[in-house]
C-alpha atoms as a PDB file:
ATOM      1  CA  MET A   1      -5.671 -45.286   1.303  1.00  0.00           C
ATOM      2  CA  ASN A   2      -9.395 -44.892   2.432  1.00  0.00           C
ATOM      3  CA  SER A   3      -9.823 -48.802   1.389  1.00  0.00           C
ATOM      4  CA  LEU A   4      -7.118 -49.799   3.901  1.00  0.00           C
ATOM      5  CA  ALA A   5      -8.306 -47.940   6.865  1.00  0.00           C
ATOM      6  CA  ILE A   6     -11.980 -49.449   6.029  1.00  0.00           C
ATOM      7  CA  VAL A   7     -10.167 -52.647   6.200  1.00  0.00           C
ATOM      8  CA  ALA A   8      -7.596 -51.761   9.388  1.00  0.00           C
ATOM      9  CA  GLY A   9     -10.867 -50.347  11.051  1.00  0.00           C
ATOM     10  CA  GLY A  10     -13.312 -53.088  10.354  1.00  0.00           C
ATOM     11  CA  ALA A  11     -10.610 -55.887  11.205  1.00  0.00           C
ATOM     12  CA  ILE A  12     -10.221 -54.017  14.855  1.00  0.00           C
ATOM     13  CA  GLY A  13     -13.883 -53.701  15.543  1.00  0.00           C
ATOM     14  CA  LEU A  14     -13.780 -57.775  14.552  1.00  0.00           C
ATOM     15  CA  ALA A  15     -11.458 -58.293  16.849  1.00  0.00           C
ATOM     16  CA  PHE A  16     -13.573 -56.262  19.772  1.00  0.00           C
ATOM     17  CA  LYS A  17     -16.953 -58.199  18.433  1.00  0.00           C
ATOM     18  CA  LYS A  18     -15.616 -61.458  20.657  1.00  0.00           C
ATOM     19  CA  GLY A  19     -15.685 -59.473  23.330  1.00  0.00           C
ATOM     20  CA  ILE A  20     -18.980 -58.039  23.083  1.00  0.00           C
ATOM     21  CA  LYS A  21     -21.979 -59.810  25.074  1.00  0.00           C
ATOM     22  CA  GLU A  22     -24.427 -61.159  22.515  1.00  0.00           C
ATOM     23  CA  SER A  23     -27.273 -58.945  24.509  1.00  0.00           C
ATOM     24  CA  TYR A  24     -25.197 -55.919  23.576  1.00  0.00           C
ATOM     25  CA  THR A  25     -24.915 -55.569  20.085  1.00  0.00           C
ATOM     26  CA  ASP A  26     -29.355 -54.979  19.962  1.00  0.00           C
ATOM     27  CA  SER A  27     -28.181 -51.778  21.681  1.00  0.00           C
ATOM     28  CA  LEU A  28     -25.091 -50.782  20.043  1.00  0.00           C
ATOM     29  CA  ASN A  29     -26.466 -51.524  16.869  1.00  0.00           C
ATOM     30  CA  LYS A  30     -29.778 -49.372  17.325  1.00  0.00           C
ATOM     31  CA  ALA A  31     -27.524 -46.750  18.812  1.00  0.00           C
ATOM     32  CA  LEU A  32     -25.358 -46.328  15.694  1.00  0.00           C
ATOM     33  CA  GLY A  33     -28.522 -46.352  13.578  1.00  0.00           C
ATOM     34  CA  ILE A  34     -29.446 -43.043  15.493  1.00  0.00           C
ATOM     35  CA  ALA A  35     -26.059 -41.552  14.588  1.00  0.00           C
ATOM     36  CA  ILE A  36     -26.492 -42.820  10.435  1.00  0.00           C
ATOM     37  CA  LEU A  37     -29.714 -41.395  11.067  1.00  0.00           C
ATOM     38  CA  ILE A  38     -28.901 -38.381  11.765  1.00  0.00           C
ATOM     39  CA  ILE A  39     -25.726 -38.387   9.673  1.00  0.00           C
ATOM     40  CA  GLY A  40     -28.236 -38.953   6.642  1.00  0.00           C
ATOM     41  CA  LEU A  41     -31.164 -36.271   7.574  1.00  0.00           C
ATOM     42  CA  ASN A  42     -28.128 -33.353   7.942  1.00  0.00           C
ATOM     43  CA  GLY A  43     -26.916 -34.328   4.378  1.00  0.00           C
ATOM     44  CA  VAL A  44     -29.851 -34.171   2.890  1.00  0.00           C
ATOM     45  CA  ILE A  45     -30.820 -30.916   4.771  1.00  0.00           C
ATOM     46  CA  SER A  46     -27.678 -29.223   3.460  1.00  0.00           C
ATOM     47  CA  SER A  47     -28.126 -30.764   0.095  1.00  0.00           C
ATOM     48  CA  MET A  48     -31.862 -29.257  -0.286  1.00  0.00           C
ATOM     49  CA  PHE A  49     -31.774 -26.179   1.801  1.00  0.00           C
ATOM     50  CA  THR A  50     -30.454 -22.502   1.591  1.00  0.00           C
ATOM     51  CA  SER A  51     -30.469 -19.564   3.658  1.00  0.00           C
ATOM     52  CA  ASP A  52     -30.375 -16.061   1.879  1.00  0.00           C
ATOM     53  CA  GLY A  53     -29.425 -14.487   5.674  1.00  0.00           C
ATOM     54  CA  VAL A  54     -33.079 -14.350   6.554  1.00  0.00           C
ATOM     55  CA  LYS A  55     -35.385 -17.694   6.566  1.00  0.00           C
ATOM     56  CA  LEU A  56     -34.350 -21.059   4.823  1.00  0.00           C
ATOM     57  CA  LYS A  57     -35.786 -22.168   1.148  1.00  0.00           C
ATOM     58  CA  SER A  58     -35.613 -25.620   0.001  1.00  0.00           C
ATOM     59  CA  SER A  59     -35.390 -27.237  -3.582  1.00  0.00           C
ATOM     60  CA  GLY A  60     -35.493 -30.543  -4.984  1.00  0.00           C
ATOM     61  CA  GLU A  61     -38.130 -32.263  -2.948  1.00  0.00           C
ATOM     62  CA  LEU A  62     -39.866 -33.696  -6.141  1.00  0.00           C
ATOM     63  CA  LEU A  63     -36.886 -35.032  -7.692  1.00  0.00           C
ATOM     64  CA  LEU A  64     -36.330 -36.546  -5.008  1.00  0.00           C
ATOM     65  CA  VAL A  65     -39.075 -38.430  -4.562  1.00  0.00           C
ATOM     66  CA  VAL A  66     -39.333 -39.522  -8.353  1.00  0.00           C
ATOM     67  CA  SER A  67     -35.481 -40.200  -7.824  1.00  0.00           C
ATOM     68  CA  LEU A  68     -36.010 -42.901  -5.240  1.00  0.00           C
ATOM     69  CA  VAL A  69     -39.392 -44.317  -6.392  1.00  0.00           C
ATOM     70  CA  VAL A  70     -38.087 -44.695  -9.921  1.00  0.00           C
ATOM     71  CA  GLY A  71     -34.340 -45.763  -8.543  1.00  0.00           C
ATOM     72  CA  THR A  72     -35.949 -48.382  -6.079  1.00  0.00           C
ATOM     73  CA  LEU A  73     -38.502 -49.360  -8.665  1.00  0.00           C
ATOM     74  CA  ILE A  74     -35.226 -50.172 -11.588  1.00  0.00           C
ATOM     75  CA  GLY A  75     -33.524 -51.983  -8.558  1.00  0.00           C
ATOM     76  CA  GLU A  76     -36.336 -54.267  -7.912  1.00  0.00           C
ATOM     77  CA  LEU A  77     -36.867 -55.090 -11.442  1.00  0.00           C
ATOM     78  CA  LEU A  78     -33.591 -56.177 -11.562  1.00  0.00           C
ATOM     79  CA  ARG A  79     -33.263 -57.579  -8.114  1.00  0.00           C
ATOM     80  CA  PHE A  80     -29.830 -56.622  -6.819  1.00  0.00           C
ATOM     81  CA  HIS A  81     -31.258 -57.267  -3.269  1.00  0.00           C
ATOM     82  CA  ASP A  82     -31.884 -60.907  -4.667  1.00  0.00           C
ATOM     83  CA  ARG A  83     -29.110 -61.740  -6.113  1.00  0.00           C
ATOM     84  CA  PHE A  84     -26.167 -59.922  -4.366  1.00  0.00           C
ATOM     85  CA  THR A  85     -28.467 -62.225  -1.147  1.00  0.00           C
ATOM     86  CA  LYS A  86     -27.308 -65.182  -2.942  1.00  0.00           C
ATOM     87  CA  PHE A  87     -23.830 -64.564  -3.986  1.00  0.00           C
ATOM     88  CA  SER A  88     -23.446 -63.324  -0.237  1.00  0.00           C
ATOM     89  CA  ASN A  89     -24.662 -66.673   1.269  1.00  0.00           C
ATOM     90  CA  ASN A  90     -22.639 -68.447  -1.006  1.00  0.00           C
ATOM     91  CA  VAL A  91     -19.490 -66.481   0.560  1.00  0.00           C
ATOM     92  CA  GLU A  92     -20.950 -67.151   4.349  1.00  0.00           C
ATOM     93  CA  LYS A  93     -21.049 -70.699   3.395  1.00  0.00           C
ATOM     94  CA  LYS A  94     -17.176 -70.643   2.502  1.00  0.00           C
ATOM     95  CA  PHE A  95     -16.057 -68.953   5.160  1.00  0.00           C
ATOM     96  CA  LYS A  96     -18.404 -70.980   7.712  1.00  0.00           C
ATOM     97  CA  ASN A  97     -19.226 -67.033   9.185  1.00  0.00           C
ATOM     98  CA  GLY A  98     -22.663 -65.649   8.933  1.00  0.00           C
ATOM     99  CA  GLY A  99     -23.569 -61.964   8.595  1.00  0.00           C
ATOM    100  CA  PHE A 100     -21.552 -61.484   5.840  1.00  0.00           C
ATOM    101  CA  ALA A 101     -24.419 -59.577   3.684  1.00  0.00           C
ATOM    102  CA  SER A 102     -24.952 -57.570   6.268  1.00  0.00           C
ATOM    103  CA  GLY A 103     -22.156 -55.770   7.195  1.00  0.00           C
ATOM    104  CA  PHE A 104     -20.904 -55.540   3.173  1.00  0.00           C
ATOM    105  CA  ILE A 105     -24.091 -53.727   2.221  1.00  0.00           C
ATOM    106  CA  ASN A 106     -24.434 -51.109   5.127  1.00  0.00           C
ATOM    107  CA  GLY A 107     -20.387 -50.640   4.668  1.00  0.00           C
ATOM    108  CA  THR A 108     -20.231 -50.250   1.547  1.00  0.00           C
ATOM    109  CA  MET A 109     -23.208 -47.477   0.885  1.00  0.00           C
ATOM    110  CA  LEU A 110     -22.003 -45.592   3.673  1.00  0.00           C
ATOM    111  CA  PHE A 111     -19.085 -45.361   2.393  1.00  0.00           C
ATOM    112  CA  CYS A 112     -19.304 -45.188  -1.331  1.00  0.00           C
ATOM    113  CA  VAL A 113     -22.727 -42.774  -0.940  1.00  0.00           C
ATOM    114  CA  GLY A 114     -21.782 -39.613   0.550  1.00  0.00           C
ATOM    115  CA  ALA A 115     -20.680 -35.459  -1.060  1.00  0.00           C
ATOM    116  CA  MET A 116     -17.341 -36.327   0.325  1.00  0.00           C
ATOM    117  CA  ALA A 117     -16.464 -39.393  -1.854  1.00  0.00           C
ATOM    118  CA  ILE A 118     -17.405 -37.831  -5.297  1.00  0.00           C
ATOM    119  CA  ILE A 119     -15.970 -34.386  -4.045  1.00  0.00           C
ATOM    120  CA  GLY A 120     -12.612 -35.709  -2.613  1.00  0.00           C
ATOM    121  CA  SER A 121     -12.425 -38.193  -5.760  1.00  0.00           C
ATOM    122  CA  LEU A 122     -12.200 -35.304  -7.794  1.00  0.00           C
ATOM    123  CA  ASN A 123     -10.176 -33.096  -6.113  1.00  0.00           C
ATOM    124  CA  ASP A 124      -7.728 -35.978  -6.157  1.00  0.00           C
ATOM    125  CA  GLY A 125      -7.840 -36.622  -9.972  1.00  0.00           C
ATOM    126  CA  LEU A 126      -8.204 -33.009 -11.086  1.00  0.00           C
ATOM    127  CA  LYS A 127      -6.109 -31.196  -8.687  1.00  0.00           C
ATOM    128  CA  GLY A 128      -3.998 -33.840  -6.997  1.00  0.00           C
ATOM    129  CA  ASP A 129      -5.418 -32.768  -3.748  1.00  0.00           C
ATOM    130  CA  SER A 130      -6.379 -36.045  -1.091  1.00  0.00           C
ATOM    131  CA  SER A 131      -6.875 -34.043   1.549  1.00  0.00           C
ATOM    132  CA  ILE A 132     -10.630 -34.476   2.095  1.00  0.00           C
ATOM    133  CA  LEU A 133     -10.310 -38.390   1.056  1.00  0.00           C
ATOM    134  CA  PHE A 134      -7.935 -38.317   3.995  1.00  0.00           C
ATOM    135  CA  VAL A 135     -10.456 -36.990   6.169  1.00  0.00           C
ATOM    136  CA  LYS A 136     -12.856 -38.847   4.870  1.00  0.00           C
ATOM    137  CA  SER A 137     -10.461 -42.107   5.274  1.00  0.00           C
ATOM    138  CA  ALA A 138     -10.142 -41.028   8.927  1.00  0.00           C
ATOM    139  CA  LEU A 139     -14.127 -41.434   9.554  1.00  0.00           C
ATOM    140  CA  ASP A 140     -14.417 -44.721   7.295  1.00  0.00           C
ATOM    141  CA  PHE A 141     -11.622 -45.989   9.436  1.00  0.00           C
ATOM    142  CA  THR A 142     -14.175 -45.339  12.914  1.00  0.00           C
ATOM    143  CA  THR A 143     -17.133 -45.926  11.249  1.00  0.00           C
ATOM    144  CA  ALA A 144     -15.398 -49.409   9.844  1.00  0.00           C
ATOM    145  CA  LEU A 145     -13.788 -50.323  13.362  1.00  0.00           C
ATOM    146  CA  ILE A 146     -18.101 -50.323  15.111  1.00  0.00           C
ATOM    147  CA  LEU A 147     -19.547 -51.612  12.193  1.00  0.00           C
ATOM    148  CA  GLY A 148     -16.770 -54.439  12.432  1.00  0.00           C
ATOM    149  CA  ALA A 149     -17.412 -54.818  16.241  1.00  0.00           C
ATOM    150  CA  THR A 150     -21.044 -55.059  15.644  1.00  0.00           C
ATOM    151  CA  LEU A 151     -21.773 -56.681  11.977  1.00  0.00           C
ATOM    152  CA  GLY A 152     -18.839 -58.787  11.179  1.00  0.00           C
ATOM    153  CA  PHE A 153     -16.091 -59.318   9.012  1.00  0.00           C
ATOM    154  CA  GLY A 154     -18.528 -58.390   5.618  1.00  0.00           C
ATOM    155  CA  VAL A 155     -17.015 -54.727   6.559  1.00  0.00           C
ATOM    156  CA  MET A 156     -13.862 -54.966   5.465  1.00  0.00           C
ATOM    157  CA  PHE A 157     -14.940 -56.684   2.155  1.00  0.00           C
ATOM    158  CA  SER A 158     -16.334 -53.310   1.404  1.00  0.00           C
ATOM    159  CA  ALA A 159     -13.366 -51.855   0.969  1.00  0.00           C
ATOM    160  CA  ILE A 160     -13.303 -52.802  -2.952  1.00  0.00           C
ATOM    161  CA  PRO A 161     -16.041 -51.475  -3.945  1.00  0.00           C
ATOM    162  CA  ILE A 162     -15.047 -48.332  -2.589  1.00  0.00           C
ATOM    163  CA  LEU A 163     -11.658 -48.794  -4.556  1.00  0.00           C
ATOM    164  CA  LEU A 164     -13.223 -49.541  -7.783  1.00  0.00           C
ATOM    165  CA  TYR A 165     -15.911 -46.406  -6.899  1.00  0.00           C
ATOM    166  CA  GLN A 166     -13.475 -43.497  -5.795  1.00  0.00           C
ATOM    167  CA  GLY A 167     -10.860 -44.793  -8.133  1.00  0.00           C
ATOM    168  CA  GLY A 168     -12.735 -44.716 -11.213  1.00  0.00           C
ATOM    169  CA  ILE A 169     -14.002 -41.651 -10.152  1.00  0.00           C
ATOM    170  CA  THR A 170     -10.540 -40.308  -9.783  1.00  0.00           C
ATOM    171  CA  LEU A 171      -9.006 -41.608 -13.490  1.00  0.00           C
ATOM    172  CA  LEU A 172     -12.309 -40.450 -14.780  1.00  0.00           C
ATOM    173  CA  ALA A 173     -12.432 -37.092 -13.065  1.00  0.00           C
ATOM    174  CA  GLY A 174     -11.149 -34.947 -16.499  1.00  0.00           C
ATOM    175  CA  GLN A 175     -14.724 -36.183 -17.479  1.00  0.00           C
ATOM    176  CA  LEU A 176     -16.803 -35.930 -14.557  1.00  0.00           C
ATOM    177  CA  GLY A 177     -15.516 -33.185 -13.625  1.00  0.00           C
ATOM    178  CA  GLY A 178     -17.701 -31.095 -15.645  1.00  0.00           C
ATOM    179  CA  VAL A 179     -20.684 -32.898 -15.339  1.00  0.00           C
ATOM    180  CA  LEU A 180     -20.413 -33.422 -11.192  1.00  0.00           C
ATOM    181  CA  GLN A 181     -20.955 -30.091 -10.053  1.00  0.00           C
ATOM    182  CA  GLY A 182     -23.137 -27.320  -8.829  1.00  0.00           C
ATOM    183  CA  GLU A 183     -26.805 -28.508  -8.717  1.00  0.00           C
ATOM    184  CA  LEU A 184     -25.927 -31.489 -10.088  1.00  0.00           C
ATOM    185  CA  LEU A 185     -23.968 -32.686  -7.378  1.00  0.00           C
ATOM    186  CA  GLU A 186     -26.338 -31.801  -4.248  1.00  0.00           C
ATOM    187  CA  GLN A 187     -29.185 -33.447  -5.991  1.00  0.00           C
ATOM    188  CA  VAL A 188     -26.904 -36.453  -6.636  1.00  0.00           C
ATOM    189  CA  CYS A 189     -26.011 -36.155  -3.171  1.00  0.00           C
ATOM    190  CA  ALA A 190     -29.583 -35.392  -1.770  1.00  0.00           C
ATOM    191  CA  VAL A 191     -30.719 -38.839  -2.905  1.00  0.00           C
ATOM    192  CA  GLY A 192     -27.274 -40.721  -1.536  1.00  0.00           C
ATOM    193  CA  TYR A 193     -28.295 -39.413   1.666  1.00  0.00           C
ATOM    194  CA  ALA A 194     -31.875 -39.963   1.930  1.00  0.00           C
ATOM    195  CA  ILE A 195     -30.597 -43.739   0.933  1.00  0.00           C
ATOM    196  CA  ILE A 196     -28.079 -43.311   4.331  1.00  0.00           C
ATOM    197  CA  VAL A 197     -31.423 -42.636   6.503  1.00  0.00           C
ATOM    198  CA  ALA A 198     -33.079 -46.034   5.567  1.00  0.00           C
ATOM    199  CA  ILE A 199     -29.474 -47.142   6.713  1.00  0.00           C
ATOM    200  CA  GLY A 200     -30.401 -45.827   9.954  1.00  0.00           C
ATOM    201  CA  LEU A 201     -33.795 -46.690   9.676  1.00  0.00           C
ATOM    202  CA  ASN A 202     -32.192 -50.488   9.397  1.00  0.00           C
ATOM    203  CA  PHE A 203     -30.638 -50.590  12.363  1.00  0.00           C
ATOM    204  CA  ILE A 204     -33.496 -49.622  14.078  1.00  0.00           C
ATOM    205  CA  LEU A 205     -36.318 -51.322  12.327  1.00  0.00           C
ATOM    206  CA  THR A 206     -37.682 -54.893  12.461  1.00  0.00           C
ATOM    207  CA  ASN A 207     -38.971 -54.289   8.600  1.00  0.00           C
ATOM    208  CA  LYS A 208     -35.656 -53.755   6.719  1.00  0.00           C
ATOM    209  CA  PHE A 209     -35.444 -51.398   3.827  1.00  0.00           C
ATOM    210  CA  LYS A 210     -33.708 -52.885   0.755  1.00  0.00           C
ATOM    211  CA  THR A 211     -31.480 -50.506   0.178  1.00  0.00           C
ATOM    212  CA  LEU A 212     -29.413 -52.384  -2.133  1.00  0.00           C
ATOM    213  CA  ASN A 213     -32.258 -51.652  -4.659  1.00  0.00           C
ATOM    214  CA  MET A 214     -32.372 -48.424  -3.851  1.00  0.00           C
ATOM    215  CA  LEU A 215     -28.993 -47.375  -5.255  1.00  0.00           C
ATOM    216  CA  PRO A 216     -29.996 -46.480  -8.848  1.00  0.00           C
ATOM    217  CA  ALA A 217     -31.996 -43.751  -7.589  1.00  0.00           C
ATOM    218  CA  VAL A 218     -28.431 -41.724  -7.282  1.00  0.00           C
ATOM    219  CA  LEU A 219     -28.521 -41.912 -11.365  1.00  0.00           C
ATOM    220  CA  VAL A 220     -31.862 -40.469 -11.589  1.00  0.00           C
ATOM    221  CA  PRO A 221     -30.504 -36.787 -11.242  1.00  0.00           C
ATOM    222  CA  VAL A 222     -27.848 -37.309 -13.821  1.00  0.00           C
ATOM    223  CA  ALA A 223     -30.690 -39.104 -16.202  1.00  0.00           C
ATOM    224  CA  TYR A 224     -32.949 -36.375 -15.247  1.00  0.00           C
ATOM    225  CA  HIS A 225     -29.991 -33.495 -15.941  1.00  0.00           C
ATOM    226  CA  TYR A 226     -29.259 -34.766 -19.693  1.00  0.00           C
ATOM    227  CA  ILE A 227     -32.875 -35.095 -20.565  1.00  0.00           C
ATOM    228  CA  MET A 228     -33.399 -31.141 -19.603  1.00  0.00           C
ATOM    229  CA  ILE A 229     -30.214 -30.621 -21.823  1.00  0.00           C
ATOM    230  CA  LEU A 230     -31.289 -32.487 -24.458  1.00  0.00           C
ATOM    231  CA  ILE A 231     -35.273 -31.191 -24.053  1.00  0.00           C
ATOM    232  CA  ASN A 232     -33.733 -27.042 -23.916  1.00  0.00           C
ATOM    233  CA  TYR A 233     -31.506 -28.401 -27.084  1.00  0.00           C
ATOM    234  CA  ILE A 234     -34.715 -29.419 -28.882  1.00  0.00           C
ATOM    235  CA  LYS A 235     -36.653 -26.429 -28.603  1.00  0.00           C
ATOM    236  CA  ALA A 236     -33.456 -23.688 -29.327  1.00  0.00           C
END
């Protein structure tokens, strides 16, 4: 359902793209960038800050920094961005249509990274409750429509990683449900939303972040979680 919503939204947006003047595209991209930036900041704040009724308390700042630095370094070493750029250029040549990389990367990152993708898929797999994914599908439909109108047909192809990513979590929910919860889930989401902030900035700034190279950062909190379990086990 979520993948179909993205394809439908992207297709409708692509139809509107033909009627949007090129001079308007830059302004629309910047407006979209601001909206994505706010969504990312809101996600980071909600994942890292708690309230005791009197004042706000934050946690996980150091892990966020380490995750982004280490994850980005891994992405740079593995050359995720360069490899995908080469792949996307081949796709663009085949379809004789530019803009595939931008639409696919931004769409995939926006749709995959976030609490709703993880929690919705876990609820679907563990409880048979798809309500969160239905809400996410409606939101992704709107986002895909806007991205399709500004970035082009590559947005529709982001439905493929969504199907694999969320479908995989749903199928493995029994194994993942006991791990991706509580503080660890908040840490993973905080890193993911920080990457969304970078995506928003990419719509605004001239010098772009290689957000695909930042993607391994979401796995660093998981690695840290298990390292701490191992250390505590050795100490015991």
